[in-house]
Protein backbone atom coordinates (compact mmCIF):
# COMPACT_ATOMS: atom_id res chain seq x y z
CA MET A 1 -30.43 -12.36 103.17
CA PRO A 2 -29.70 -11.62 99.46
CA PRO A 3 -31.42 -13.79 96.86
CA GLU A 4 -29.31 -16.53 95.34
CA GLY A 5 -28.14 -16.16 91.74
CA ASN A 6 -27.91 -13.03 89.77
CA ILE A 7 -31.08 -11.23 89.02
CA GLU A 8 -30.61 -8.31 86.74
CA GLU A 9 -33.13 -5.77 85.82
CA LYS A 10 -33.64 -5.39 82.04
CA PRO A 11 -32.80 -1.94 80.83
CA LYS A 12 -35.84 -0.13 79.54
CA LYS A 13 -35.93 0.69 75.85
CA LYS A 14 -35.62 4.34 75.16
CA GLY A 15 -38.67 5.85 73.60
CA GLY A 16 -40.87 2.76 73.96
CA PHE A 17 -43.96 2.71 71.78
CA VAL A 18 -43.21 5.92 69.90
CA ALA A 19 -39.70 4.75 68.95
CA GLU A 20 -41.07 1.42 67.69
CA LEU A 21 -43.71 3.24 65.68
CA VAL A 22 -41.06 5.48 64.10
CA ARG A 23 -38.88 2.42 63.26
CA PHE A 24 -41.87 0.69 61.66
CA PHE A 25 -42.72 3.80 59.64
CA LEU A 26 -39.10 4.10 58.42
CA ILE A 27 -39.04 0.45 57.34
CA VAL A 28 -42.27 0.93 55.41
CA VAL A 29 -41.05 4.12 53.72
CA PHE A 30 -37.51 3.00 52.87
CA VAL A 31 -37.89 -0.76 52.32
CA ILE A 32 -41.44 -1.98 51.70
CA ILE A 33 -42.77 0.83 49.48
CA PRO A 34 -39.73 0.91 47.13
CA PHE A 35 -39.80 -2.90 46.94
CA ARG A 36 -43.50 -2.80 46.01
CA ILE A 37 -43.02 -0.02 43.43
CA TYR A 38 -39.82 -1.22 41.72
CA VAL A 39 -39.31 -4.95 42.38
CA ALA A 40 -42.50 -6.98 42.93
CA GLN A 41 -46.20 -6.45 43.41
CA PRO A 42 -49.29 -8.62 43.84
CA PHE A 43 -51.73 -9.29 41.00
CA ILE A 44 -55.05 -11.15 41.12
CA VAL A 45 -56.19 -12.75 37.86
CA GLU A 46 -59.66 -11.73 36.67
CA GLY A 47 -61.37 -13.16 33.61
CA ALA A 48 -61.10 -16.23 31.42
CA SER A 49 -58.76 -14.98 28.67
CA MET A 50 -55.79 -17.02 29.96
CA ASP A 51 -57.69 -20.20 30.92
CA PRO A 52 -56.51 -22.85 31.63
CA THR A 53 -53.03 -21.42 32.34
CA PHE A 54 -54.32 -18.74 34.73
CA GLU A 55 -57.79 -18.73 36.22
CA THR A 56 -59.88 -16.08 37.95
CA GLY A 57 -58.88 -15.57 41.58
CA GLN A 58 -55.30 -16.83 41.29
CA TYR A 59 -52.90 -14.67 43.30
CA LEU A 60 -49.61 -13.84 41.56
CA ILE A 61 -46.47 -12.00 42.58
CA VAL A 62 -45.23 -9.99 39.59
CA ASP A 63 -41.50 -9.59 38.91
CA GLN A 64 -41.16 -5.93 37.85
CA LEU A 65 -37.36 -5.92 37.64
CA SER A 66 -36.38 -8.43 34.91
CA TYR A 67 -37.72 -6.52 31.92
CA ARG A 68 -35.72 -3.45 32.88
CA PHE A 69 -32.61 -5.49 31.94
CA GLU A 70 -33.87 -7.98 29.33
CA GLU A 71 -36.46 -8.14 26.58
CA PRO A 72 -39.59 -10.30 26.90
CA ALA A 73 -39.27 -13.59 25.00
CA ARG A 74 -41.85 -15.27 22.81
CA GLY A 75 -43.99 -17.56 24.95
CA SER A 76 -43.49 -15.57 28.15
CA VAL A 77 -46.45 -14.14 30.03
CA LEU A 78 -46.75 -10.39 30.55
CA ILE A 79 -48.63 -8.22 33.00
CA PHE A 80 -49.11 -4.81 31.37
CA LYS A 81 -51.19 -1.66 31.34
CA TYR A 82 -54.05 -1.97 28.87
CA PRO A 83 -53.08 0.41 26.02
CA ARG A 84 -56.60 1.89 25.78
CA ASP A 85 -56.98 2.44 29.54
CA PRO A 86 -53.67 2.46 31.51
CA LYS A 87 -55.58 2.17 34.81
CA GLN A 88 -56.42 -1.45 33.89
CA PHE A 89 -53.91 -4.31 33.96
CA PHE A 90 -54.00 -7.29 31.59
CA ILE A 91 -52.22 -10.65 31.51
CA LYS A 92 -51.41 -12.20 28.10
CA ARG A 93 -48.76 -14.28 26.33
CA VAL A 94 -46.07 -12.81 24.01
CA ILE A 95 -46.56 -14.12 20.48
CA GLY A 96 -44.89 -11.54 18.20
CA LEU A 97 -41.67 -9.64 18.91
CA PRO A 98 -40.70 -6.17 17.63
CA GLY A 99 -40.33 -6.10 13.84
CA GLU A 100 -42.02 -9.47 13.20
CA THR A 101 -45.17 -10.16 11.22
CA VAL A 102 -47.80 -12.33 12.90
CA LYS A 103 -50.17 -14.26 10.62
CA ILE A 104 -53.11 -16.25 11.95
CA GLU A 105 -54.85 -18.54 9.48
CA ASN A 106 -57.60 -20.87 10.73
CA GLY A 107 -56.24 -20.55 14.26
CA VAL A 108 -52.64 -21.47 13.31
CA VAL A 109 -50.04 -18.79 14.09
CA THR A 110 -47.11 -18.18 11.71
CA ILE A 111 -44.26 -15.79 12.56
CA VAL A 112 -42.31 -14.05 9.79
CA ASN A 113 -39.02 -12.36 10.74
CA ALA A 114 -35.53 -11.65 9.35
CA GLU A 115 -34.25 -15.13 10.27
CA ASN A 116 -37.36 -16.82 8.82
CA PRO A 117 -38.54 -14.81 5.79
CA ASP A 118 -40.89 -17.66 4.79
CA GLY A 119 -42.19 -17.86 8.35
CA PHE A 120 -42.42 -20.63 10.93
CA LEU A 121 -45.39 -22.17 12.70
CA LEU A 122 -45.69 -21.34 16.37
CA ASP A 123 -45.87 -24.40 18.63
CA GLU A 124 -48.82 -23.75 20.90
CA SER A 125 -49.30 -27.20 22.37
CA TYR A 126 -50.22 -25.54 25.68
CA LEU A 127 -53.51 -24.32 24.15
CA GLU A 128 -56.69 -26.24 24.70
CA PHE A 129 -58.88 -23.90 22.67
CA LYS A 130 -58.46 -22.75 19.10
CA LYS A 131 -60.48 -20.22 17.16
CA ASP A 132 -60.90 -20.20 13.41
CA ASP A 133 -59.83 -16.67 12.67
CA ASN A 134 -57.58 -14.99 10.13
CA PHE A 135 -55.40 -12.03 10.94
CA THR A 136 -52.09 -10.38 9.91
CA MET A 137 -50.13 -7.62 11.68
CA THR A 138 -46.56 -6.35 11.61
CA VAL A 139 -45.27 -5.43 15.06
CA LYS A 140 -43.63 -2.02 15.44
CA PRO A 141 -40.26 -1.50 17.15
CA ASP A 142 -40.50 -1.53 20.98
CA GLU A 143 -43.92 -3.20 20.86
CA TYR A 144 -45.21 -6.75 21.40
CA PHE A 145 -48.08 -8.75 19.91
CA VAL A 146 -49.90 -10.62 22.71
CA LEU A 147 -52.70 -13.18 22.78
CA GLY A 148 -54.67 -14.85 25.53
CA ASP A 149 -54.42 -18.63 25.82
CA ASN A 150 -58.21 -18.91 25.66
CA ARG A 151 -58.44 -17.36 22.20
CA PRO A 152 -62.23 -17.51 21.68
CA VAL A 153 -62.88 -15.16 24.64
CA SER A 154 -59.64 -13.17 24.81
CA SER A 155 -59.47 -9.43 24.19
CA ASP A 156 -55.92 -9.08 22.88
CA SER A 157 -53.69 -7.65 20.13
CA ARG A 158 -56.08 -8.90 17.44
CA PHE A 159 -58.63 -6.34 18.65
CA TRP A 160 -56.76 -3.40 20.19
CA GLY A 161 -53.23 -3.62 18.78
CA THR A 162 -49.80 -4.23 20.20
CA VAL A 163 -48.40 -3.51 23.67
CA PRO A 164 -45.75 -0.77 23.88
CA LYS A 165 -42.72 -1.79 25.93
CA LYS A 166 -43.30 1.20 28.23
CA ASP A 167 -46.64 -0.32 29.32
CA ILE A 168 -45.13 -3.63 30.48
CA ILE A 169 -45.28 -4.04 34.26
CA GLY A 170 -43.53 -7.41 34.47
CA ARG A 171 -44.05 -11.15 34.44
CA PRO A 172 -45.59 -13.59 36.89
CA PHE A 173 -42.81 -14.73 39.20
CA LEU A 174 -44.83 -16.73 41.69
CA ARG A 175 -48.34 -18.16 41.81
CA LEU A 176 -49.23 -18.28 45.51
CA PHE A 177 -52.90 -19.27 45.48
CA PRO A 178 -54.48 -21.69 45.14
CA LEU A 179 -51.85 -23.57 47.15
CA LYS A 180 -52.16 -26.75 45.07
CA GLU A 181 -51.08 -24.73 41.99
CA THR A 182 -48.19 -22.83 43.57
CA ALA A 183 -45.45 -22.38 40.96
CA VAL A 184 -42.38 -20.30 40.10
CA PHE A 185 -42.61 -18.51 36.71
CA PRO A 186 -46.02 -20.10 36.05
CA GLY A 187 -47.16 -20.39 32.44
CA ASP A 188 -43.79 -19.35 30.97
CA TYR A 189 -43.17 -21.24 27.71
CA SER A 190 -40.40 -18.99 26.39
CA ASN A 191 -37.37 -20.61 24.80
């Protein structure tokens, strides 16, 4: 007596394990690796130079695409290759744009540019720490003056110069960890 209902045998996949392995390899080579190289990559914050905005151990996803089509704005946060050792990556805030003069007097930052020949004071209400230092630098074309938010301990443009545009990796797009501080475009105070 034949069994009731239709029972169909599933067709076997051709190639089995080897075919799945090849598919996985192709996805990695043609999707994941290019995405990681050209679009976004992970970054783990190390050091106190951006405290309290970014703290050691925070896990960020870096947007590598935006700055291929637009210029970084003042107040935005950059991930870049350290100019003195391109194997190291730093995270700092954009303070001075190409062609501007940055003046720091007693911890107060003034920006002098074509639109403001007498300069304007930079609003840095996001800072908790200030350092009494004095400094002046004119930023070259295609370069950016960057500072850490924790100025007393930050190694930044005051000590090793500006960041060439070619060394910019991108900007933090997403802070994933710690979960209670998850944010999109964390720390971005650009106008």
